[in-house]
Amino acid sequence: RRLYAIFRIALASVFILTGIIVTPLPIPLGLIMIAFGFLLMAYNNNRIIRYIRIIRLRYPNFSKKLATLEKKNLFFITKLLRQTNPTNRFRK
């Protein structure tokens, strides 16, 4: 279980770094990769969940895009998106 958490953090770091590198390109794939990386990191970290919730409050268009992903039921990401959704009353 601990090894799985370390693997998840490493994979999330790769997504975030790759997303930062890809962000200047015309296709907005970098922002999606950064968001996915933060969601992977947030799986075990409440501080990152609060940070993502604050970002979603500050940027409603970004939050709407994540809400569309939430409706697609993408494995464990759906649970994290519900936890970070600032309009969701029940975040568990």
PDB file of N, CA and C in Angstrom:
ATOM      1  N   ARG A   1       0.822  -1.195   0.000  1.00  0.00           N
ATOM      2  CA  ARG A   1       0.000   0.000   0.000  1.00  0.00           C
ATOM      3  C   ARG A   1       0.862   1.253   0.000  1.00  0.00           C
ATOM      4  N   ARG A   2       1.925   1.231   0.768  1.00  0.00           N
ATOM      5  CA  ARG A   2       2.839   2.379   0.812  1.00  0.00           C
ATOM      6  C   ARG A   2       3.546   2.560  -0.528  1.00  0.00           C
ATOM      7  N   LEU A   3       3.928   1.446  -1.143  1.00  0.00           N
ATOM      8  CA  LEU A   3       4.579   1.498  -2.453  1.00  0.00           C
ATOM      9  C   LEU A   3       3.624   2.069  -3.509  1.00  0.00           C
ATOM     10  N   TYR A   4       2.352   1.715  -3.409  1.00  0.00           N
ATOM     11  CA  TYR A   4       1.347   2.234  -4.325  1.00  0.00           C
ATOM     12  C   TYR A   4       1.205   3.752  -4.181  1.00  0.00           C
ATOM     13  N   ALA A   5       1.255   4.255  -2.940  1.00  0.00           N
ATOM     14  CA  ALA A   5       1.165   5.700  -2.702  1.00  0.00           C
ATOM     15  C   ALA A   5       2.383   6.421  -3.276  1.00  0.00           C
ATOM     16  N   ILE A   6       3.554   5.845  -3.122  1.00  0.00           N
ATOM     17  CA  ILE A   6       4.770   6.447  -3.676  1.00  0.00           C
ATOM     18  C   ILE A   6       4.706   6.465  -5.199  1.00  0.00           C
ATOM     19  N   PHE A   7       4.225   5.369  -5.789  1.00  0.00           N
ATOM     20  CA  PHE A   7       4.074   5.315  -7.244  1.00  0.00           C
ATOM     21  C   PHE A   7       3.091   6.377  -7.729  1.00  0.00           C
ATOM     22  N   ARG A   8       1.986   6.551  -7.003  1.00  0.00           N
ATOM     23  CA  ARG A   8       0.978   7.536  -7.378  1.00  0.00           C
ATOM     24  C   ARG A   8       1.546   8.955  -7.318  1.00  0.00           C
ATOM     25  N   ILE A   9       2.336   9.259  -6.289  1.00  0.00           N
ATOM     26  CA  ILE A   9       2.945  10.587  -6.164  1.00  0.00           C
ATOM     27  C   ILE A   9       3.957  10.816  -7.290  1.00  0.00           C
ATOM     28  N   ALA A  10       4.744   9.795  -7.609  1.00  0.00           N
ATOM     29  CA  ALA A  10       5.715   9.930  -8.701  1.00  0.00           C
ATOM     30  C   ALA A  10       5.010  10.150 -10.039  1.00  0.00           C
ATOM     31  N   LEU A  11       3.959   9.397 -10.288  1.00  0.00           N
ATOM     32  CA  LEU A  11       3.201   9.557 -11.525  1.00  0.00           C
ATOM     33  C   LEU A  11       2.551  10.940 -11.590  1.00  0.00           C
ATOM     34  N   ALA A  12       2.028  11.405 -10.474  1.00  0.00           N
ATOM     35  CA  ALA A  12       1.421  12.738 -10.427  1.00  0.00           C
ATOM     36  C   ALA A  12       2.459  13.817 -10.714  1.00  0.00           C
ATOM     37  N   SER A  13       3.661  13.644 -10.181  1.00  0.00           N
ATOM     38  CA  SER A  13       4.732  14.619 -10.433  1.00  0.00           C
ATOM     39  C   SER A  13       5.095  14.660 -11.908  1.00  0.00           C
ATOM     40  N   VAL A  14       5.118  13.501 -12.539  1.00  0.00           N
ATOM     41  CA  VAL A  14       5.418  13.449 -13.978  1.00  0.00           C
ATOM     42  C   VAL A  14       4.325  14.174 -14.762  1.00  0.00           C
ATOM     43  N   PHE A  15       3.074  13.953 -14.406  1.00  0.00           N
ATOM     44  CA  PHE A  15       1.975  14.639 -15.087  1.00  0.00           C
ATOM     45  C   PHE A  15       2.065  16.150 -14.909  1.00  0.00           C
ATOM     46  N   ILE A  16       2.359  16.603 -13.695  1.00  0.00           N
ATOM     47  CA  ILE A  16       2.430  18.043 -13.437  1.00  0.00           C
ATOM     48  C   ILE A  16       3.584  18.671 -14.204  1.00  0.00           C
ATOM     49  N   LEU A  17       4.749  18.055 -14.148  1.00  0.00           N
ATOM     50  CA  LEU A  17       5.903  18.612 -14.861  1.00  0.00           C
ATOM     51  C   LEU A  17       5.698  18.606 -16.377  1.00  0.00           C
ATOM     52  N   THR A  18       5.148  17.515 -16.892  1.00  0.00           N
ATOM     53  CA  THR A  18       4.875  17.452 -18.325  1.00  0.00           C
ATOM     54  C   THR A  18       3.810  18.478 -18.714  1.00  0.00           C
ATOM     55  N   GLY A  19       2.818  18.655 -17.861  1.00  0.00           N
ATOM     56  CA  GLY A  19       1.781  19.646 -18.126  1.00  0.00           C
ATOM     57  C   GLY A  19       2.325  21.059 -18.147  1.00  0.00           C
ATOM     58  N   ILE A  20       3.273  21.356 -17.259  1.00  0.00           N
ATOM     59  CA  ILE A  20       3.895  22.683 -17.241  1.00  0.00           C
ATOM     60  C   ILE A  20       4.674  22.912 -18.532  1.00  0.00           C
ATOM     61  N   ILE A  21       5.354  21.881 -19.001  1.00  0.00           N
ATOM     62  CA  ILE A  21       6.130  22.004 -20.238  1.00  0.00           C
ATOM     63  C   ILE A  21       5.211  22.161 -21.442  1.00  0.00           C
ATOM     64  N   VAL A  22       4.086  21.453 -21.468  1.00  0.00           N
ATOM     65  CA  VAL A  22       3.190  21.429 -22.624  1.00  0.00           C
ATOM     66  C   VAL A  22       2.216  22.620 -22.633  1.00  0.00           C
ATOM     67  N   THR A  23       2.042  23.302 -21.527  1.00  0.00           N
ATOM     68  CA  THR A  23       1.053  24.378 -21.422  1.00  0.00           C
ATOM     69  C   THR A  23       1.178  25.457 -22.494  1.00  0.00           C
ATOM     70  N   PRO A  24       2.378  25.918 -22.890  1.00  0.00           N
ATOM     71  CA  PRO A  24       2.441  26.981 -23.904  1.00  0.00           C
ATOM     72  C   PRO A  24       1.970  26.577 -25.302  1.00  0.00           C
ATOM     73  N   LEU A  25       1.785  25.310 -25.557  1.00  0.00           N
ATOM     74  CA  LEU A  25       1.327  24.868 -26.871  1.00  0.00           C
ATOM     75  C   LEU A  25      -0.119  25.321 -27.114  1.00  0.00           C
ATOM     76  N   PRO A  26      -0.520  25.433 -28.377  1.00  0.00           N
ATOM     77  CA  PRO A  26      -1.874  25.917 -28.685  1.00  0.00           C
ATOM     78  C   PRO A  26      -2.994  25.024 -28.149  1.00  0.00           C
ATOM     79  N   ILE A  27      -2.763  23.736 -28.062  1.00  0.00           N
ATOM     80  CA  ILE A  27      -3.784  22.829 -27.545  1.00  0.00           C
ATOM     81  C   ILE A  27      -3.682  22.834 -26.016  1.00  0.00           C
ATOM     82  N   PRO A  28      -4.784  23.044 -25.288  1.00  0.00           N
ATOM     83  CA  PRO A  28      -4.708  23.174 -23.820  1.00  0.00           C
ATOM     84  C   PRO A  28      -4.550  21.847 -23.083  1.00  0.00           C
ATOM     85  N   LEU A  29      -3.757  20.959 -23.612  1.00  0.00           N
ATOM     86  CA  LEU A  29      -3.552  19.658 -22.988  1.00  0.00           C
ATOM     87  C   LEU A  29      -2.754  19.785 -21.685  1.00  0.00           C
ATOM     88  N   GLY A  30      -1.901  20.792 -21.599  1.00  0.00           N
ATOM     89  CA  GLY A  30      -1.068  20.967 -20.412  1.00  0.00           C
ATOM     90  C   GLY A  30      -1.886  21.222 -19.161  1.00  0.00           C
ATOM     91  N   LEU A  31      -2.928  22.018 -19.260  1.00  0.00           N
ATOM     92  CA  LEU A  31      -3.771  22.301 -18.098  1.00  0.00           C
ATOM     93  C   LEU A  31      -4.500  21.054 -17.618  1.00  0.00           C
ATOM     94  N   ILE A  32      -4.915  20.235 -18.558  1.00  0.00           N
ATOM     95  CA  ILE A  32      -5.582  18.984 -18.186  1.00  0.00           C
ATOM     96  C   ILE A  32      -4.603  18.052 -17.486  1.00  0.00           C
ATOM     97  N   MET A  33      -3.367  18.004 -17.979  1.00  0.00           N
ATOM     98  CA  MET A  33      -2.355  17.146 -17.358  1.00  0.00           C
ATOM     99  C   MET A  33      -2.010  17.643 -15.951  1.00  0.00           C
ATOM    100  N   ILE A  34      -1.917  18.951 -15.770  1.00  0.00           N
ATOM    101  CA  ILE A  34      -1.642  19.506 -14.445  1.00  0.00           C
ATOM    102  C   ILE A  34      -2.784  19.179 -13.491  1.00  0.00           C
ATOM    103  N   ALA A  35      -4.013  19.349 -13.952  1.00  0.00           N
ATOM    104  CA  ALA A  35      -5.176  19.042 -13.111  1.00  0.00           C
ATOM    105  C   ALA A  35      -5.192  17.557 -12.736  1.00  0.00           C
ATOM    106  N   PHE A  36      -4.902  16.697 -13.697  1.00  0.00           N
ATOM    107  CA  PHE A  36      -4.873  15.260 -13.419  1.00  0.00           C
ATOM    108  C   PHE A  36      -3.774  14.918 -12.410  1.00  0.00           C
ATOM    109  N   GLY A  37      -2.614  15.562 -12.548  1.00  0.00           N
ATOM    110  CA  GLY A  37      -1.521  15.332 -11.599  1.00  0.00           C
ATOM    111  C   GLY A  37      -1.891  15.743 -10.188  1.00  0.00           C
ATOM    112  N   PHE A  38      -2.539  16.906 -10.053  1.00  0.00           N
ATOM    113  CA  PHE A  38      -2.960  17.340  -8.724  1.00  0.00           C
ATOM    114  C   PHE A  38      -4.029  16.417  -8.141  1.00  0.00           C
ATOM    115  N   LEU A  39      -4.911  15.915  -8.992  1.00  0.00           N
ATOM    116  CA  LEU A  39      -5.921  14.991  -8.495  1.00  0.00           C
ATOM    117  C   LEU A  39      -5.294  13.683  -8.025  1.00  0.00           C
ATOM    118  N   LEU A  40      -4.272  13.217  -8.718  1.00  0.00           N
ATOM    119  CA  LEU A  40      -3.571  12.017  -8.250  1.00  0.00           C
ATOM    120  C   LEU A  40      -2.886  12.261  -6.913  1.00  0.00           C
ATOM    121  N   MET A  41      -2.285  13.439  -6.765  1.00  0.00           N
ATOM    122  CA  MET A  41      -1.628  13.751  -5.493  1.00  0.00           C
ATOM    123  C   MET A  41      -2.640  13.931  -4.364  1.00  0.00           C
ATOM    124  N   ALA A  42      -3.814  14.408  -4.699  1.00  0.00           N
ATOM    125  CA  ALA A  42      -4.812  14.704  -3.680  1.00  0.00           C
ATOM    126  C   ALA A  42      -5.447  13.453  -3.089  1.00  0.00           C
ATOM    127  N   TYR A  43      -5.196  12.331  -3.685  1.00  0.00           N
ATOM    128  CA  TYR A  43      -5.853  11.109  -3.232  1.00  0.00           C
ATOM    129  C   TYR A  43      -5.602  10.837  -1.742  1.00  0.00           C
ATOM    130  N   ASN A  44      -4.424  11.159  -1.234  1.00  0.00           N
ATOM    131  CA  ASN A  44      -4.105  10.919   0.174  1.00  0.00           C
ATOM    132  C   ASN A  44      -3.773  12.187   0.946  1.00  0.00           C
ATOM    133  N   ASN A  45      -3.940  13.343   0.360  1.00  0.00           N
ATOM    134  CA  ASN A  45      -3.474  14.570   0.989  1.00  0.00           C
ATOM    135  C   ASN A  45      -4.619  15.575   1.088  1.00  0.00           C
ATOM    136  N   ASN A  46      -5.098  15.819   2.307  1.00  0.00           N
ATOM    137  CA  ASN A  46      -6.208  16.748   2.512  1.00  0.00           C
ATOM    138  C   ASN A  46      -5.832  18.184   2.200  1.00  0.00           C
ATOM    139  N   ARG A  47      -4.581  18.539   2.385  1.00  0.00           N
ATOM    140  CA  ARG A  47      -4.133  19.901   2.099  1.00  0.00           C
ATOM    141  C   ARG A  47      -4.270  20.211   0.607  1.00  0.00           C
ATOM    142  N   ILE A  48      -3.931  19.251  -0.237  1.00  0.00           N
ATOM    143  CA  ILE A  48      -4.058  19.454  -1.679  1.00  0.00           C
ATOM    144  C   ILE A  48      -5.534  19.482  -2.078  1.00  0.00           C
ATOM    145  N   ILE A  49      -6.366  18.697  -1.413  1.00  0.00           N
ATOM    146  CA  ILE A  49      -7.807  18.733  -1.683  1.00  0.00           C
ATOM    147  C   ILE A  49      -8.362  20.124  -1.395  1.00  0.00           C
ATOM    148  N   ARG A  50      -7.968  20.724  -0.271  1.00  0.00           N
ATOM    149  CA  ARG A  50      -8.414  22.091   0.040  1.00  0.00           C
ATOM    150  C   ARG A  50      -7.889  23.091  -0.979  1.00  0.00           C
ATOM    151  N   TYR A  51      -6.653  22.927  -1.402  1.00  0.00           N
ATOM    152  CA  TYR A  51      -6.055  23.831  -2.388  1.00  0.00           C
ATOM    153  C   TYR A  51      -6.806  23.752  -3.719  1.00  0.00           C
ATOM    154  N   ILE A  52      -7.129  22.543  -4.154  1.00  0.00           N
ATOM    155  CA  ILE A  52      -7.868  22.372  -5.403  1.00  0.00           C
ATOM    156  C   ILE A  52      -9.267  22.974  -5.269  1.00  0.00           C
ATOM    157  N   ARG A  53      -9.884  22.828  -4.100  1.00  0.00           N
ATOM    158  CA  ARG A  53     -11.200  23.412  -3.875  1.00  0.00           C
ATOM    159  C   ARG A  53     -11.145  24.940  -3.988  1.00  0.00           C
ATOM    160  N   ILE A  54     -10.090  25.547  -3.445  1.00  0.00           N
ATOM    161  CA  ILE A  54      -9.918  27.002  -3.534  1.00  0.00           C
ATOM    162  C   ILE A  54      -9.723  27.421  -4.989  1.00  0.00           C
ATOM    163  N   ILE A  55      -8.922  26.656  -5.732  1.00  0.00           N
ATOM    164  CA  ILE A  55      -8.703  26.974  -7.145  1.00  0.00           C
ATOM    165  C   ILE A  55     -10.012  26.863  -7.919  1.00  0.00           C
ATOM    166  N   ARG A  56     -10.800  25.848  -7.617  1.00  0.00           N
ATOM    167  CA  ARG A  56     -12.074  25.687  -8.316  1.00  0.00           C
ATOM    168  C   ARG A  56     -13.048  26.802  -7.982  1.00  0.00           C
ATOM    169  N   LEU A  57     -12.980  27.336  -6.775  1.00  0.00           N
ATOM    170  CA  LEU A  57     -13.818  28.487  -6.433  1.00  0.00           C
ATOM    171  C   LEU A  57     -13.362  29.738  -7.182  1.00  0.00           C
ATOM    172  N   ARG A  58     -12.077  29.903  -7.296  1.00  0.00           N
ATOM    173  CA  ARG A  58     -11.517  31.090  -7.924  1.00  0.00           C
ATOM    174  C   ARG A  58     -11.695  31.083  -9.442  1.00  0.00           C
ATOM    175  N   TYR A  59     -11.646  29.911 -10.056  1.00  0.00           N
ATOM    176  CA  TYR A  59     -11.744  29.796 -11.515  1.00  0.00           C
ATOM    177  C   TYR A  59     -12.936  28.917 -11.886  1.00  0.00           C
ATOM    178  N   PRO A  60     -14.116  29.502 -12.010  1.00  0.00           N
ATOM    179  CA  PRO A  60     -15.314  28.691 -12.261  1.00  0.00           C
ATOM    180  C   PRO A  60     -15.309  27.968 -13.607  1.00  0.00           C
ATOM    181  N   ASN A  61     -14.670  28.522 -14.634  1.00  0.00           N
ATOM    182  CA  ASN A  61     -14.615  27.820 -15.923  1.00  0.00           C
ATOM    183  C   ASN A  61     -13.812  26.530 -15.812  1.00  0.00           C
ATOM    184  N   PHE A  62     -12.707  26.591 -15.083  1.00  0.00           N
ATOM    185  CA  PHE A  62     -11.900  25.401 -14.827  1.00  0.00           C
ATOM    186  C   PHE A  62     -12.717  24.375 -14.051  1.00  0.00           C
ATOM    187  N   SER A  63     -13.488  24.858 -13.083  1.00  0.00           N
ATOM    188  CA  SER A  63     -14.318  23.968 -12.283  1.00  0.00           C
ATOM    189  C   SER A  63     -15.392  23.299 -13.130  1.00  0.00           C
ATOM    190  N   LYS A  64     -15.953  24.034 -14.089  1.00  0.00           N
ATOM    191  CA  LYS A  64     -16.964  23.442 -14.971  1.00  0.00           C
ATOM    192  C   LYS A  64     -16.369  22.337 -15.829  1.00  0.00           C
ATOM    193  N   LYS A  65     -15.136  22.529 -16.295  1.00  0.00           N
ATOM    194  CA  LYS A  65     -14.480  21.490 -17.097  1.00  0.00           C
ATOM    195  C   LYS A  65     -14.224  20.238 -16.258  1.00  0.00           C
ATOM    196  N   LEU A  66     -13.833  20.444 -15.000  1.00  0.00           N
ATOM    197  CA  LEU A  66     -13.639  19.286 -14.129  1.00  0.00           C
ATOM    198  C   LEU A  66     -14.971  18.621 -13.804  1.00  0.00           C
ATOM    199  N   ALA A  67     -16.033  19.401 -13.718  1.00  0.00           N
ATOM    200  CA  ALA A  67     -17.358  18.830 -13.449  1.00  0.00           C
ATOM    201  C   ALA A  67     -17.815  17.942 -14.592  1.00  0.00           C
ATOM    202  N   THR A  68     -17.445  18.291 -15.830  1.00  0.00           N
ATOM    203  CA  THR A  68     -17.800  17.414 -16.944  1.00  0.00           C
ATOM    204  C   THR A  68     -17.048  16.090 -16.863  1.00  0.00           C
ATOM    205  N   LEU A  69     -15.804  16.138 -16.374  1.00  0.00           N
ATOM    206  CA  LEU A  69     -15.066  14.888 -16.168  1.00  0.00           C
ATOM    207  C   LEU A  69     -15.693  14.060 -15.054  1.00  0.00           C
ATOM    208  N   GLU A  70     -16.221  14.753 -14.049  1.00  0.00           N
ATOM    209  CA  GLU A  70     -16.851  14.058 -12.922  1.00  0.00           C
ATOM    210  C   GLU A  70     -18.058  13.245 -13.389  1.00  0.00           C
ATOM    211  N   LYS A  71     -18.790  13.754 -14.358  1.00  0.00           N
ATOM    212  CA  LYS A  71     -19.977  13.062 -14.856  1.00  0.00           C
ATOM    213  C   LYS A  71     -19.639  11.833 -15.686  1.00  0.00           C
ATOM    214  N   LYS A  72     -18.396  11.728 -16.152  1.00  0.00           N
ATOM    215  CA  LYS A  72     -18.006  10.589 -16.993  1.00  0.00           C
ATOM    216  C   LYS A  72     -17.592   9.362 -16.195  1.00  0.00           C
ATOM    217  N   ASN A  73     -17.542   9.460 -14.859  1.00  0.00           N
ATOM    218  CA  ASN A  73     -17.211   8.338 -13.983  1.00  0.00           C
ATOM    219  C   ASN A  73     -15.885   7.676 -14.356  1.00  0.00           C
ATOM    220  N   LEU A  74     -14.807   8.427 -14.234  1.00  0.00           N
ATOM    221  CA  LEU A  74     -13.484   7.935 -14.581  1.00  0.00           C
ATOM    222  C   LEU A  74     -12.780   7.323 -13.359  1.00  0.00           C
ATOM    223  N   PHE A  75     -13.146   6.125 -13.007  1.00  0.00           N
ATOM    224  CA  PHE A  75     -12.528   5.349 -11.935  1.00  0.00           C
ATOM    225  C   PHE A  75     -12.453   6.144 -10.634  1.00  0.00           C
ATOM    226  N   PHE A  76     -11.276   6.196 -10.019  1.00  0.00           N
ATOM    227  CA  PHE A  76     -11.118   6.854  -8.723  1.00  0.00           C
ATOM    228  C   PHE A  76     -11.130   8.377  -8.832  1.00  0.00           C
ATOM    229  N   ILE A  77     -10.997   8.902 -10.038  1.00  0.00           N
ATOM    230  CA  ILE A  77     -10.951  10.358 -10.216  1.00  0.00           C
ATOM    231  C   ILE A  77     -12.306  10.974  -9.883  1.00  0.00           C
ATOM    232  N   THR A  78     -13.387  10.230 -10.102  1.00  0.00           N
ATOM    233  CA  THR A  78     -14.712  10.742  -9.787  1.00  0.00           C
ATOM    234  C   THR A  78     -14.833  11.065  -8.307  1.00  0.00           C
ATOM    235  N   LYS A  79     -14.330  10.206  -7.452  1.00  0.00           N
ATOM    236  CA  LYS A  79     -14.380  10.445  -6.009  1.00  0.00           C
ATOM    237  C   LYS A  79     -13.593  11.708  -5.649  1.00  0.00           C
ATOM    238  N   LEU A  80     -12.417  11.864  -6.237  1.00  0.00           N
ATOM    239  CA  LEU A  80     -11.604  13.046  -5.943  1.00  0.00           C
ATOM    240  C   LEU A  80     -12.254  14.319  -6.466  1.00  0.00           C
ATOM    241  N   LEU A  81     -12.868  14.233  -7.635  1.00  0.00           N
ATOM    242  CA  LEU A  81     -13.541  15.415  -8.178  1.00  0.00           C
ATOM    243  C   LEU A  81     -14.725  15.814  -7.314  1.00  0.00           C
ATOM    244  N   ARG A  82     -15.426  14.841  -6.769  1.00  0.00           N
ATOM    245  CA  ARG A  82     -16.532  15.166  -5.855  1.00  0.00           C
ATOM    246  C   ARG A  82     -16.014  15.792  -4.573  1.00  0.00           C
ATOM    247  N   GLN A  83     -14.876  15.305  -4.076  1.00  0.00           N
ATOM    248  CA  GLN A  83     -14.302  15.881  -2.854  1.00  0.00           C
ATOM    249  C   GLN A  83     -13.835  17.310  -3.061  1.00  0.00           C
ATOM    250  N   THR A  84     -13.341  17.624  -4.241  1.00  0.00           N
ATOM    251  CA  THR A  84     -12.807  18.961  -4.487  1.00  0.00           C
ATOM    252  C   THR A  84     -13.841  19.912  -5.070  1.00  0.00           C
ATOM    253  N   ASN A  85     -15.033  19.422  -5.352  1.00  0.00           N
ATOM    254  CA  ASN A  85     -16.068  20.281  -5.919  1.00  0.00           C
ATOM    255  C   ASN A  85     -16.582  21.232  -4.838  1.00  0.00           C
ATOM    256  N   PRO A  86     -16.403  22.547  -5.021  1.00  0.00           N
ATOM    257  CA  PRO A  86     -16.820  23.490  -3.991  1.00  0.00           C
ATOM    258  C   PRO A  86     -18.339  23.607  -3.838  1.00  0.00           C
ATOM    259  N   THR A  87     -19.110  23.199  -4.850  1.00  0.00           N
ATOM    260  CA  THR A  87     -20.564  23.286  -4.752  1.00  0.00           C
ATOM    261  C   THR A  87     -21.188  22.017  -4.199  1.00  0.00           C
ATOM    262  N   ASN A  88     -20.404  20.991  -4.021  1.00  0.00           N
ATOM    263  CA  ASN A  88     -20.907  19.724  -3.500  1.00  0.00           C
ATOM    264  C   ASN A  88     -21.060  19.824  -1.995  1.00  0.00           C
ATOM    265  N   ARG A  89     -22.228  19.522  -1.501  1.00  0.00           N
ATOM    266  CA  ARG A  89     -22.481  19.620  -0.060  1.00  0.00           C
ATOM    267  C   ARG A  89     -21.860  18.443   0.685  1.00  0.00           C
ATOM    268  N   PHE A  90     -21.885  17.282   0.085  1.00  0.00           N
ATOM    269  CA  PHE A  90     -21.370  16.066   0.723  1.00  0.00           C
ATOM    270  C   PHE A  90     -20.100  15.656   0.009  1.00  0.00           C
ATOM    271  N   ARG A  91     -18.964  15.918   0.615  1.00  0.00           N
ATOM    272  CA  ARG A  91     -17.671  15.734  -0.061  1.00  0.00           C
ATOM    273  C   ARG A  91     -17.045  14.382   0.194  1.00  0.00           C
ATOM    274  N   LYS A  92     -17.684  13.490   0.890  1.00  0.00           N
ATOM    275  CA  LYS A  92     -17.085  12.179   1.168  1.00  0.00           C
ATOM    276  C   LYS A  92     -17.392  11.201   0.083  1.00  0.00           C
TER     277      LYS A  92
END
